[in-house]
C-alpha cells in the first residue's frame, strides 16, 4: 500500500504542475484566439483537437486497455519482457507513421467531417484546414508518447509520463507569448489570420508535443529496457493483443463518432456563443480534478489490480476496487462541490470578460454532473481490462455513445426550434454527455458485479452517498463566500487574476468545511487520505 501511496504522490504532484502550467498555456491561447463567440478560435480548437482525439484513442483505448496487462504478463518471461516490448514498440511506430501520413493526406476531408459546411462559413473551414496541416503531425508524437508512457507505467516507473507534458506547456507558453508580442491579440475573426500567423501558432503547438515525447526517451534506462527495432512480430502473442485491441478499437470508434456529432452540432453556435473552443476550455477545467485525483491514485491501483487479476487472486481484486473507489470518492466529491460553487470565477480565467465567464459557467456545471460517476467508471472499466475483457466495455460504451449522439442531436434541434437559446446549446450538449456517462457507469457496474460475484457495492456506494451529503453544507459555505464577495458579478469575475484567486478562496473554504465534517464523524477514509495529502508537503 505504501508503494501505491508513493506512486500516487509522484503522479499527483506531476499532474498538478502539468495541469497548472496547462492552465497558463490556455490563458495565453485565449488571449490570442478568444474563447466565446470566436470563429478563429473554434477553427484552431477543432484543428488542434484532431490529434488529441487520436491520442485519446491510443492512450485510453488500446494502450491502457490492452498493453499494460500484457506487459505485466510479459515481465515473467526469462528476459523480463524486453523482446516483447521491442517488438511492440516497433509495430506501434510503424502504425503511427502510417496513421499520421493518412491523416495529413485526408486533412480537408477530416475537417469537413467535424464541421457542418451548411452552418459554417467557407473561410472558417479553410482556416481550420490550414491549422490542421500544422497540427496533425502531432498524431505520431502523441501516439509515441502514449506508447512509451504506458510501457513505463507497466514497469512501475510512473513519474516521467506525468511530468513530461510540463515541457510541452512551457514551450507553448513561451511560443504563444512570442506570438502575442509579434502579432498582438486577440484575433477572433478569420480574416485577421495570415499564413505566417497560422504557421507560428500551429508550429508552436506541434513543437511542444515533439519535445514532450523526446523527454520520455531519457527515462528508459530506469525501466531496465533497451529498445531495438524488431520486425519479427510472430510468436509473442501479438495476434492475441490484436483480438483484444479489436474490441477496444471499435469502442473508441463509437466514442469518436459521437464526438463528431457533438462537434458538428456545436459548430452551429460558432461565432455567436460558447461553442467548440469554449467547450474544450470547460472540459479542461473539469479534467483538472479528474487528472490530479483519479489518474494519480487510480493508475498505480490499476497496475496492482492487473497483477492480482493475472494471478487470479479475485478477492484481492475486489478489495482493490472497494479501496480505490472509496478513496477516489472522498476527493472527487469535494472537488465537484468546490468547482460547482466556483464555476464563474474558474471560467473567468479562460475568458476575456465577465459576460463571457457567465456564459461559459453553465458548460462547466453540466460537465461536473458526471465527475463522480466517471471516477467510478475508471475503476470498473479497468477491472474488465485487467481480466483481458475488452468486449464487454465495447457494449456498454456503445450505449453511452448512442445516448451522446441522441442528446446532442436533440440539443441542436431544440436550439434550431428556439426551445433553448443558441447561447445554451453547448451547455445542453455537455449535460447530454454527462447523462450518457451516468447510464454507462450503471450498466458497467451491474455487469462487473455479476461477473465477479460481487464487487462490494454495499461497501462503497453508501459511503459515496455520505460524501455527497457532507458536501452539501460545504458547498453552502462556499456559496456564502461568493455572496460576500459580490456574487457572480462581483470582483470574483472582474479579471483573470481575481478569478483564479476567487476560485482558490472558494475551493479552500469548501474543502475545509468538508474535511472538518468528515473528521467530526470519524470517517475511516479520512486518515489514509490525509496521509496521502501529507506526502505532497515538503519534509522539514
Protein backbone atom coordinates (compact mmCIF):
# COMPACT_ATOMS: atom_id res chain seq x y z
CA UNK A 1 0.00 0.00 0.00
CA UNK A 2 2.89 2.37 0.72
CA UNK A 3 4.25 1.85 -2.79
CA UNK A 4 0.86 2.85 -4.20
CA UNK A 5 0.92 5.92 -1.97
CA UNK A 6 4.36 6.96 -3.18
CA UNK A 7 3.41 6.38 -6.81
CA UNK A 8 0.17 8.31 -6.34
CA UNK A 9 2.03 11.26 -4.87
CA UNK A 10 4.59 11.22 -7.67
CA UNK A 11 1.87 11.12 -10.32
CA UNK A 12 -0.30 13.61 -8.44
CA UNK A 13 2.49 16.15 -8.00
CA UNK A 14 3.43 15.90 -11.65
CA UNK A 15 -0.19 16.17 -12.68
CA UNK A 16 -0.71 19.28 -10.55
CA UNK A 17 2.30 21.04 -12.08
CA UNK A 18 1.29 19.83 -15.54
CA UNK A 19 -2.29 20.99 -15.20
CA UNK A 20 -1.38 24.35 -13.68
CA UNK A 21 1.09 25.00 -16.49
CA UNK A 22 -1.59 23.78 -18.88
CA UNK A 23 -3.99 26.35 -17.47
CA UNK A 24 -1.40 29.07 -18.07
CA UNK A 25 -0.97 27.80 -21.61
CA UNK A 26 -4.72 28.05 -22.20
CA UNK A 27 -4.85 31.56 -20.74
CA UNK A 28 -2.22 32.73 -23.23
CA UNK A 29 -4.00 30.92 -26.06
CA UNK A 30 -7.32 32.58 -25.19
CA UNK A 31 -5.53 35.93 -25.35
CA UNK A 32 -4.65 35.04 -28.98
CA UNK A 33 -7.84 33.44 -30.37
CA UNK A 34 -10.56 34.32 -27.83
CA UNK A 35 -12.98 31.90 -26.16
CA UNK A 36 -16.68 32.73 -26.58
CA UNK A 37 -18.11 33.76 -29.93
CA UNK A 38 -14.80 33.43 -31.80
CA UNK A 39 -14.78 31.87 -35.28
CA UNK A 40 -10.96 31.76 -35.48
CA UNK A 41 -10.71 30.24 -32.01
CA UNK A 42 -13.16 27.49 -32.93
CA UNK A 43 -11.18 26.82 -36.12
CA UNK A 44 -7.92 26.38 -34.18
CA UNK A 45 -9.69 24.47 -31.40
CA UNK A 46 -11.04 21.98 -33.91
CA UNK A 47 -7.72 21.51 -35.73
CA UNK A 48 -5.70 21.14 -32.54
CA UNK A 49 -8.27 18.71 -31.14
CA UNK A 50 -7.92 16.28 -34.05
CA UNK A 51 -4.57 14.79 -32.92
CA UNK A 52 -5.83 14.88 -29.32
CA UNK A 53 -8.76 12.71 -30.36
CA UNK A 54 -6.39 10.16 -31.84
CA UNK A 55 -4.20 10.37 -28.72
CA UNK A 56 -7.29 9.55 -26.66
CA UNK A 57 -7.93 6.58 -28.92
CA UNK A 58 -4.39 5.32 -28.39
CA UNK A 59 -3.90 6.12 -24.71
CA UNK A 60 -7.23 5.42 -23.03
CA UNK A 61 -8.20 2.82 -25.57
CA UNK A 62 -5.71 0.36 -26.99
CA UNK A 63 -2.76 1.02 -24.66
CA UNK A 64 -4.46 1.25 -21.28
CA UNK A 65 -6.93 -1.50 -22.09
CA UNK A 66 -4.54 -3.98 -23.65
CA UNK A 67 -0.87 -3.12 -23.41
CA UNK A 68 -0.41 -2.63 -19.64
CA UNK A 69 -1.84 -6.05 -18.67
CA UNK A 70 0.17 -7.73 -21.45
CA UNK A 71 3.45 -6.10 -20.38
CA UNK A 72 2.78 -7.13 -16.79
CA UNK A 73 2.44 -10.72 -18.02
CA UNK A 74 5.49 -10.46 -20.28
CA UNK A 75 7.61 -9.38 -17.31
CA UNK A 76 7.55 -13.03 -16.18
CA UNK A 77 9.49 -14.08 -19.30
CA UNK A 78 13.15 -15.03 -18.98
CA UNK A 79 14.29 -11.71 -20.49
CA UNK A 80 11.97 -9.65 -18.31
CA UNK A 81 9.77 -8.79 -21.28
CA UNK A 82 12.46 -6.91 -23.24
CA UNK A 83 11.88 -8.72 -26.54
CA UNK A 84 8.14 -8.27 -26.26
CA UNK A 85 8.46 -4.54 -25.61
CA UNK A 86 10.87 -4.03 -28.52
CA UNK A 87 8.57 -5.82 -30.94
CA UNK A 88 5.57 -3.91 -29.61
CA UNK A 89 7.35 -0.58 -29.86
CA UNK A 90 8.48 -1.27 -33.44
CA UNK A 91 4.98 -2.28 -34.52
CA UNK A 92 3.45 0.74 -32.82
CA UNK A 93 5.89 3.12 -34.50
CA UNK A 94 5.10 1.72 -37.95
CA UNK A 95 1.35 2.02 -37.37
CA UNK A 96 1.69 5.58 -36.06
CA UNK A 97 3.73 6.68 -39.08
CA UNK A 98 1.13 5.25 -41.44
CA UNK A 99 -1.76 6.79 -39.50
CA UNK A 100 -0.10 10.21 -39.48
CA UNK A 101 0.58 10.10 -43.23
CA UNK A 102 -3.03 9.16 -43.98
CA UNK A 103 -4.33 11.89 -41.67
CA UNK A 104 -2.21 14.52 -43.39
CA UNK A 105 -3.45 13.44 -46.82
CA UNK A 106 -7.07 13.44 -45.66
CA UNK A 107 -6.89 16.70 -43.66
CA UNK A 108 -9.51 18.64 -45.71
CA UNK A 109 -11.90 15.70 -45.57
CA UNK A 110 -11.37 15.19 -41.82
CA UNK A 111 -12.14 18.85 -41.10
CA UNK A 112 -15.41 18.74 -43.02
CA UNK A 113 -16.40 15.63 -41.06
CA UNK A 114 -16.23 17.63 -37.83
CA UNK A 115 -17.70 20.89 -39.17
CA UNK A 116 -21.11 21.16 -40.80
CA UNK A 117 -20.48 23.18 -44.01
CA UNK A 118 -24.12 24.27 -44.00
CA UNK A 119 -23.66 26.07 -40.68
CA UNK A 120 -20.11 27.43 -41.03
CA UNK A 121 -18.63 29.95 -43.47
CA UNK A 122 -16.17 28.56 -46.07
CA UNK A 123 -13.34 30.83 -44.83
CA UNK A 124 -13.63 29.34 -41.35
CA UNK A 125 -13.39 25.82 -42.82
CA UNK A 126 -10.33 26.91 -44.84
CA UNK A 127 -8.67 28.31 -41.69
CA UNK A 128 -9.40 25.10 -39.76
CA UNK A 129 -7.87 23.07 -42.60
CA UNK A 130 -4.74 25.22 -42.66
CA UNK A 131 -4.32 24.76 -38.90
CA UNK A 132 -4.93 21.00 -39.32
CA UNK A 133 -1.92 20.62 -41.64
CA UNK A 134 0.26 22.09 -38.89
CA UNK A 135 -1.34 20.16 -36.04
CA UNK A 136 -1.87 16.67 -37.49
CA UNK A 137 1.84 15.67 -37.24
CA UNK A 138 1.12 15.60 -33.51
CA UNK A 139 -0.62 12.27 -34.16
CA UNK A 140 2.71 10.45 -34.44
CA UNK A 141 4.30 12.13 -31.42
CA UNK A 142 1.19 11.87 -29.24
CA UNK A 143 0.96 8.18 -30.08
CA UNK A 144 4.64 7.57 -29.43
CA UNK A 145 4.38 9.45 -26.14
CA UNK A 146 1.39 7.33 -25.08
CA UNK A 147 3.13 4.08 -26.07
CA UNK A 148 6.34 4.97 -24.22
CA UNK A 149 4.44 6.21 -21.19
CA UNK A 150 2.22 3.18 -20.78
CA UNK A 151 5.23 0.86 -21.09
CA UNK A 152 6.94 2.84 -18.31
CA UNK A 153 3.76 2.69 -16.19
CA UNK A 154 3.58 -1.08 -16.65
CA UNK A 155 7.19 -1.27 -15.38
CA UNK A 156 6.14 0.84 -12.35
CA UNK A 157 8.06 3.91 -13.50
CA UNK A 158 5.18 6.35 -13.13
CA UNK A 159 6.79 9.78 -12.92
CA UNK A 160 8.04 10.60 -16.46
CA UNK A 161 4.68 10.03 -18.16
CA UNK A 162 3.13 12.54 -15.80
CA UNK A 163 5.89 15.15 -15.77
CA UNK A 164 6.73 15.21 -19.49
CA UNK A 165 3.67 17.33 -20.52
CA UNK A 166 5.12 20.20 -18.48
CA UNK A 167 7.76 20.60 -21.19
CA UNK A 168 5.01 20.93 -23.79
CA UNK A 169 3.19 23.53 -21.72
CA UNK A 170 6.32 25.59 -21.13
CA UNK A 171 7.21 25.58 -24.84
CA UNK A 172 3.66 26.61 -25.70
CA UNK A 173 3.56 29.40 -23.10
CA UNK A 174 6.80 30.88 -24.42
CA UNK A 175 5.79 30.40 -28.05
CA UNK A 176 2.28 31.78 -27.62
CA UNK A 177 3.72 34.69 -25.64
CA UNK A 178 6.09 35.45 -28.53
CA UNK A 179 3.11 35.32 -30.89
CA UNK A 180 1.33 37.98 -28.80
CA UNK A 181 4.42 40.18 -28.81
CA UNK A 182 4.73 39.93 -32.60
CA UNK A 183 1.10 39.96 -33.76
CA UNK A 184 -0.90 41.15 -30.74
CA UNK A 185 -4.35 39.81 -29.88
CA UNK A 186 -6.99 38.69 -29.51
CA UNK A 187 -7.67 37.87 -33.17
CA UNK A 188 -11.11 36.20 -33.13
CA UNK A 189 -12.03 36.94 -36.76
CA UNK A 190 -10.99 34.58 -39.56
CA UNK A 191 -9.95 37.41 -41.89
CA UNK A 192 -7.29 38.57 -39.41
CA UNK A 193 -5.18 35.43 -39.89
CA UNK A 194 -2.21 35.42 -42.27
CA UNK A 195 -0.17 32.35 -43.33
CA UNK A 196 2.68 33.49 -41.06
CA UNK A 197 0.34 33.70 -38.05
CA UNK A 198 -1.14 30.28 -38.85
CA UNK A 199 2.31 28.70 -39.21
CA UNK A 200 3.64 30.15 -35.98
CA UNK A 201 0.64 29.18 -33.84
CA UNK A 202 0.38 25.69 -35.32
CA UNK A 203 4.15 25.17 -35.26
CA UNK A 204 4.40 26.08 -31.58
CA UNK A 205 1.52 23.75 -30.69
CA UNK A 206 3.17 20.82 -32.50
CA UNK A 207 6.71 21.61 -31.34
CA UNK A 208 5.67 21.26 -27.72
CA UNK A 209 4.34 17.76 -28.34
CA UNK A 210 7.57 16.75 -30.09
CA UNK A 211 9.71 17.79 -27.11
CA UNK A 212 7.27 16.17 -24.68
CA UNK A 213 7.83 12.84 -26.43
CA UNK A 214 11.61 13.19 -26.55
CA UNK A 215 11.71 13.68 -22.77
CA UNK A 216 10.33 10.16 -22.17
CA UNK A 217 13.21 8.56 -24.04
CA UNK A 218 15.60 9.83 -21.37
CA UNK A 219 13.99 7.61 -18.74
CA UNK A 220 14.18 4.26 -20.49
CA UNK A 221 17.25 3.03 -18.62
CA UNK A 222 15.39 3.48 -15.33
CA UNK A 223 12.85 0.94 -16.56
CA UNK A 224 15.59 -1.56 -17.38
CA UNK A 225 14.61 -1.56 -21.04
CA UNK A 226 16.66 -1.38 -24.21
CA UNK A 227 14.67 -0.54 -27.31
CA UNK A 228 15.78 -2.12 -30.55
CA UNK A 229 13.95 -2.16 -33.88
CA UNK A 230 12.46 -5.64 -34.13
CA UNK A 231 10.20 -6.53 -37.04
CA UNK A 232 9.85 -10.18 -36.02
CA UNK A 233 6.34 -9.86 -34.67
CA UNK A 234 5.38 -13.52 -34.67
CA UNK A 235 5.47 -15.70 -31.60
CA UNK A 236 4.97 -13.13 -28.84
CA UNK A 237 1.18 -13.07 -28.69
CA UNK A 238 0.60 -10.04 -30.89
CA UNK A 239 -2.33 -11.83 -32.52
CA UNK A 240 -3.94 -12.14 -29.09
CA UNK A 241 -3.30 -8.45 -28.50
CA UNK A 242 -4.88 -7.71 -31.86
CA UNK A 243 -8.06 -9.55 -30.88
CA UNK A 244 -8.25 -7.64 -27.62
CA UNK A 245 -7.49 -4.34 -29.30
CA UNK A 246 -10.14 -5.02 -31.94
CA UNK A 247 -12.95 -4.54 -29.44
CA UNK A 248 -11.20 -1.55 -27.93
CA UNK A 249 -10.76 -0.02 -31.36
CA UNK A 250 -14.47 -0.44 -32.06
CA UNK A 251 -15.24 1.08 -28.67
CA UNK A 252 -13.14 4.13 -29.42
CA UNK A 253 -14.65 4.47 -32.87
CA UNK A 254 -18.05 4.71 -31.16
CA UNK A 255 -16.74 7.50 -28.95
CA UNK A 256 -15.22 9.34 -31.89
CA UNK A 257 -18.40 9.12 -33.94
CA UNK A 258 -20.34 10.54 -31.03
CA UNK A 259 -17.72 13.29 -30.70
CA UNK A 260 -18.08 14.15 -34.38
CA UNK A 261 -21.82 14.60 -33.93
CA UNK A 262 -21.23 16.82 -30.90
CA UNK A 263 -18.71 19.00 -32.75
CA UNK A 264 -20.98 19.37 -35.78
CA UNK A 265 -23.83 20.42 -33.52
CA UNK A 266 -21.59 22.87 -31.63
CA UNK A 267 -20.37 24.40 -34.90
CA UNK A 268 -23.87 25.83 -35.27
CA UNK A 269 -23.15 28.16 -32.35
CA UNK A 270 -19.68 29.21 -33.58
CA UNK A 271 -19.32 32.97 -33.63
CA UNK A 272 -22.48 33.60 -31.60
CA UNK A 273 -21.87 32.00 -28.21
CA UNK A 274 -19.98 29.23 -26.40
CA UNK A 275 -19.07 26.59 -28.98
CA UNK A 276 -16.07 24.39 -29.78
CA UNK A 277 -13.17 26.10 -28.01
CA UNK A 278 -15.36 27.17 -25.07
CA UNK A 279 -16.39 23.53 -24.60
CA UNK A 280 -12.74 22.46 -24.76
CA UNK A 281 -11.77 25.01 -22.10
CA UNK A 282 -14.64 23.99 -19.82
CA UNK A 283 -13.61 20.36 -20.27
CA UNK A 284 -10.04 21.32 -19.36
CA UNK A 285 -11.25 22.77 -16.05
CA UNK A 286 -13.44 19.72 -15.50
CA UNK A 287 -10.49 17.41 -16.14
CA UNK A 288 -8.26 19.18 -13.62
CA UNK A 289 -9.58 17.31 -10.55
CA UNK A 290 -10.09 14.14 -12.61
CA UNK A 291 -6.47 14.14 -13.73
CA UNK A 292 -5.00 15.06 -10.37
CA UNK A 293 -7.16 12.74 -8.28
CA UNK A 294 -8.36 9.87 -10.44
CA UNK A 295 -5.25 9.34 -12.56
CA UNK A 296 -2.73 9.85 -9.75
CA UNK A 297 -4.48 7.46 -7.38
CA UNK A 298 -6.06 5.15 -9.93
CA UNK A 299 -3.05 4.48 -12.17
CA UNK A 300 -0.95 2.68 -9.53
CA UNK A 301 -4.07 0.81 -8.41
CA UNK A 302 -4.61 -0.37 -11.99
CA UNK A 303 -1.11 -1.83 -12.19
CA UNK A 304 -1.62 -3.62 -8.86
CA UNK A 305 -5.11 -4.73 -9.85
CA UNK A 306 -3.71 -6.15 -13.12
CA UNK A 307 -1.15 -8.16 -11.14
CA UNK A 308 -3.84 -9.57 -8.84
CA UNK A 309 -6.09 -10.42 -11.80
CA UNK A 310 -3.22 -12.13 -13.65
CA UNK A 311 -2.56 -14.23 -10.53
CA UNK A 312 -6.30 -14.98 -10.25
CA UNK A 313 -6.41 -13.52 -6.75
CA UNK A 314 -10.00 -12.40 -7.18
CA UNK A 315 -10.65 -11.46 -3.56
CA UNK A 316 -7.73 -9.04 -3.70
CA UNK A 317 -9.13 -7.58 -6.93
CA UNK A 318 -12.43 -6.92 -5.17
CA UNK A 319 -10.59 -5.31 -2.27
CA UNK A 320 -8.69 -3.11 -4.74
CA UNK A 321 -11.99 -2.00 -6.26
CA UNK A 322 -13.55 -1.08 -2.92
CA UNK A 323 -10.49 0.76 -1.61
CA UNK A 324 -9.86 2.72 -4.78
CA UNK A 325 -13.49 3.82 -5.26
CA UNK A 326 -13.86 4.95 -1.65
CA UNK A 327 -10.61 6.91 -1.63
CA UNK A 328 -11.30 8.42 -5.06
CA UNK A 329 -14.83 9.30 -3.99
CA UNK A 330 -13.68 11.24 -0.94
CA UNK A 331 -11.53 13.55 -3.05
CA UNK A 332 -13.77 13.75 -6.12
CA UNK A 333 -16.92 14.78 -4.25
CA UNK A 334 -15.04 17.64 -2.59
CA UNK A 335 -13.63 18.77 -5.94
CA UNK A 336 -17.09 18.63 -7.55
CA UNK A 337 -18.63 20.79 -4.85
CA UNK A 338 -15.80 23.33 -4.95
CA UNK A 339 -15.80 23.68 -8.75
CA UNK A 340 -19.59 23.90 -8.92
CA UNK A 341 -19.69 26.82 -6.49
CA UNK A 342 -16.66 28.49 -8.08
CA UNK A 343 -17.85 27.91 -11.68
CA UNK A 344 -17.93 31.61 -12.65
CA UNK A 345 -14.51 32.64 -11.27
CA UNK A 346 -12.99 29.40 -12.60
CA UNK A 347 -14.27 30.03 -16.12
CA UNK A 348 -13.28 33.70 -15.90
CA UNK A 349 -9.67 32.52 -16.07
CA UNK A 350 -10.34 31.20 -19.61
CA UNK A 351 -12.48 34.04 -20.94
CA UNK A 352 -11.90 37.66 -21.88
CA UNK A 353 -14.67 39.25 -19.84
CA UNK A 354 -17.19 38.76 -17.03
CA UNK A 355 -20.05 38.31 -19.50
CA UNK A 356 -18.14 35.53 -21.25
CA UNK A 357 -17.48 33.84 -17.89
CA UNK A 358 -21.20 33.90 -17.05
CA UNK A 359 -21.95 32.43 -20.49
CA UNK A 360 -19.35 29.66 -20.13
CA UNK A 361 -20.06 28.69 -16.49
CA UNK A 362 -23.16 26.55 -17.32
CA UNK A 363 -20.90 24.43 -19.54
CA UNK A 364 -18.67 23.57 -16.59
CA UNK A 365 -21.66 22.87 -14.33
CA UNK A 366 -23.15 20.45 -16.86
CA UNK A 367 -19.86 18.57 -17.19
CA UNK A 368 -19.48 18.33 -13.40
CA UNK A 369 -22.66 16.25 -13.15
CA UNK A 370 -20.67 13.19 -14.23
CA UNK A 371 -17.36 13.78 -12.41
CA UNK A 372 -18.05 11.27 -9.62
CA UNK A 373 -19.58 8.65 -11.97
CA UNK A 374 -16.52 8.89 -14.24
CA UNK A 375 -14.24 8.27 -11.26
CA UNK A 376 -16.17 5.08 -10.53
CA UNK A 377 -16.08 4.14 -14.21
CA UNK A 378 -12.29 4.48 -14.22
CA UNK A 379 -12.03 1.65 -11.70
CA UNK A 380 -14.81 -0.52 -13.11
CA UNK A 381 -13.70 -0.30 -16.74
CA UNK A 382 -10.07 -1.02 -15.96
CA UNK A 383 -11.05 -4.07 -13.97
CA UNK A 384 -12.51 -5.51 -17.17
CA UNK A 385 -9.23 -4.66 -18.91
CA UNK A 386 -7.24 -6.37 -16.16
CA UNK A 387 -9.12 -9.57 -16.96
CA UNK A 388 -8.35 -9.12 -20.68
CA UNK A 389 -12.02 -8.38 -21.40
CA UNK A 390 -12.35 -5.54 -23.90
CA UNK A 391 -15.52 -6.94 -25.47
CA UNK A 392 -17.85 -6.07 -22.60
CA UNK A 393 -16.65 -2.44 -22.29
CA UNK A 394 -17.39 -2.05 -26.01
CA UNK A 395 -21.06 -2.83 -25.50
CA UNK A 396 -21.68 -0.52 -22.54
CA UNK A 397 -19.69 2.18 -24.33
CA UNK A 398 -21.88 1.63 -27.38
CA UNK A 399 -24.90 2.52 -25.24
CA UNK A 400 -23.12 5.63 -23.98
CA UNK A 401 -22.12 6.70 -27.49
CA UNK A 402 -25.66 6.25 -28.77
CA UNK A 403 -27.02 8.38 -25.93
CA UNK A 404 -24.38 11.09 -26.53
CA UNK A 405 -25.39 11.21 -30.19
CA UNK A 406 -29.11 11.34 -29.49
CA UNK A 407 -28.82 14.01 -26.79
CA UNK A 408 -26.51 16.17 -28.94
CA UNK A 409 -28.86 16.00 -31.92
CA UNK A 410 -31.80 16.75 -29.63
CA UNK A 411 -29.98 19.79 -28.24
CA UNK A 412 -29.22 21.00 -31.77
CA UNK A 413 -32.84 20.55 -32.83
CA UNK A 414 -34.05 22.37 -29.71
CA UNK A 415 -31.73 25.31 -30.44
CA UNK A 416 -32.85 25.45 -34.09
CA UNK A 417 -36.51 25.46 -33.00
CA UNK A 418 -35.89 28.20 -30.44
CA UNK A 419 -36.75 25.95 -27.50
CA UNK A 420 -33.36 26.76 -25.95
CA UNK A 421 -31.21 29.82 -26.73
CA UNK A 422 -28.29 29.23 -29.09
CA UNK A 423 -26.04 30.52 -26.29
CA UNK A 424 -27.05 27.49 -24.17
CA UNK A 425 -26.51 24.91 -26.92
CA UNK A 426 -23.03 23.95 -25.69
CA UNK A 427 -24.31 23.51 -22.11
CA UNK A 428 -27.15 21.28 -23.34
CA UNK A 429 -24.68 19.11 -25.26
CA UNK A 430 -22.48 18.85 -22.14
CA UNK A 431 -25.46 17.84 -20.00
CA UNK A 432 -26.37 15.14 -22.51
CA UNK A 433 -22.84 13.78 -22.30
CA UNK A 434 -22.99 13.68 -18.51
CA UNK A 435 -26.31 11.84 -18.56
CA UNK A 436 -24.89 9.32 -21.03
CA UNK A 437 -21.85 8.70 -18.83
CA UNK A 438 -24.04 8.06 -15.78
CA UNK A 439 -26.03 5.44 -17.68
CA UNK A 440 -22.76 3.88 -18.86
CA UNK A 441 -21.30 3.51 -15.37
CA UNK A 442 -24.51 2.00 -14.00
CA UNK A 443 -24.55 -0.66 -16.72
CA UNK A 444 -20.81 -1.38 -16.33
CA UNK A 445 -21.09 -1.72 -12.55
CA UNK A 446 -24.01 -4.14 -12.73
CA UNK A 447 -22.23 -6.34 -15.29
CA UNK A 448 -18.95 -6.47 -13.35
CA UNK A 449 -20.76 -7.16 -10.08
CA UNK A 450 -22.41 -10.20 -11.64
CA UNK A 451 -19.20 -11.29 -13.37
CA UNK A 452 -17.10 -11.35 -10.18
CA UNK A 453 -19.85 -12.45 -7.83
CA UNK A 454 -19.90 -9.08 -6.12
CA UNK A 455 -17.59 -6.06 -6.13
CA UNK A 456 -18.51 -4.66 -2.72
CA UNK A 457 -21.17 -2.21 -3.91
CA UNK A 458 -22.71 -2.19 -0.43
CA UNK A 459 -19.31 -1.21 0.93
CA UNK A 460 -18.59 1.75 -1.36
CA UNK A 461 -21.95 3.06 -2.60
CA UNK A 462 -23.33 4.16 0.84
CA UNK A 463 -20.01 5.84 1.59
CA UNK A 464 -20.15 7.80 -1.67
CA UNK A 465 -23.64 8.97 -0.72
CA UNK A 466 -22.34 10.09 2.68
CA UNK A 467 -19.61 12.07 0.97
CA UNK A 468 -22.26 13.80 -1.18
CA UNK A 469 -24.36 14.67 1.88
CA UNK A 470 -21.31 16.13 3.64
CA UNK A 471 -20.55 18.18 0.53
CA UNK A 472 -23.92 20.00 0.74
CA UNK A 473 -23.10 22.16 3.80
CA UNK A 474 -19.56 22.58 2.50
CA UNK A 475 -20.93 23.92 -0.79
CA UNK A 476 -23.30 26.20 1.12
CA UNK A 477 -20.32 27.68 2.97
CA UNK A 478 -18.56 28.24 -0.35
CA UNK A 479 -21.63 29.96 -1.79
CA UNK A 480 -21.68 32.23 1.24
CA UNK A 481 -18.14 33.31 0.33
CA UNK A 482 -19.27 34.04 -3.24
CA UNK A 483 -22.11 36.23 -1.96
CA UNK A 484 -19.82 38.08 0.45
CA UNK A 485 -17.51 38.81 -2.48
CA UNK A 486 -20.27 40.45 -4.52
CA UNK A 487 -21.79 37.40 -6.15
CA UNK A 488 -21.06 36.14 -9.64
CA UNK A 489 -20.81 39.71 -10.96
CA UNK A 490 -18.51 40.96 -8.20
CA UNK A 491 -14.73 41.10 -8.04
CA UNK A 492 -14.53 37.32 -8.50
CA UNK A 493 -15.26 37.82 -12.20
CA UNK A 494 -13.55 41.17 -12.69
CA UNK A 495 -10.44 39.75 -14.40
CA UNK A 496 -8.41 36.58 -14.82
CA UNK A 497 -6.21 37.02 -11.74
CA UNK A 498 -9.09 37.75 -9.40
CA UNK A 499 -11.00 34.86 -10.95
CA UNK A 500 -8.15 32.47 -10.14
CA UNK A 501 -7.77 33.84 -6.61
CA UNK A 502 -11.54 33.77 -6.08
CA UNK A 503 -11.80 30.16 -7.24
CA UNK A 504 -8.94 29.22 -4.90
CA UNK A 505 -10.62 31.02 -1.98
CA UNK A 506 -13.98 29.37 -2.54
CA UNK A 507 -12.38 25.97 -3.05
CA UNK A 508 -10.35 26.30 0.15
CA UNK A 509 -13.46 27.10 2.20
CA UNK A 510 -15.43 24.22 0.68
CA UNK A 511 -12.57 21.79 1.30
CA UNK A 512 -12.01 22.97 4.88
CA UNK A 513 -15.67 22.57 5.83
CA UNK A 514 -15.89 19.23 4.03
CA UNK A 515 -12.84 17.78 5.79
CA UNK A 516 -13.97 19.23 9.11
CA UNK A 517 -17.31 17.43 8.93
CA UNK A 518 -15.65 14.18 7.88
CA UNK A 519 -13.27 14.47 10.84
CA UNK A 520 -16.19 15.15 13.18
CA UNK A 521 -17.86 11.93 12.11
CA UNK A 522 -14.57 9.97 12.17
CA UNK A 523 -14.81 8.92 8.54
CA UNK A 524 -12.47 5.91 8.08
CA UNK A 525 -11.22 7.04 4.63
CA UNK A 526 -10.08 10.38 6.00
CA UNK A 527 -6.92 9.14 7.73
CA UNK A 528 -5.36 7.46 4.65
CA UNK A 529 -6.49 10.38 2.51
CA UNK A 530 -4.78 12.91 4.78
CA UNK A 531 -1.70 10.70 4.95
CA UNK A 532 -1.61 10.74 1.17
CA UNK A 533 -2.03 14.51 1.18
CA UNK A 534 0.81 14.98 3.67
CA UNK A 535 3.15 13.24 1.23
CA UNK A 536 2.80 16.27 -1.03
CA UNK A 537 4.12 18.59 1.68
CA UNK A 538 7.86 19.24 1.88
CA UNK A 539 9.70 17.41 4.66
CA UNK A 540 11.11 19.55 7.44
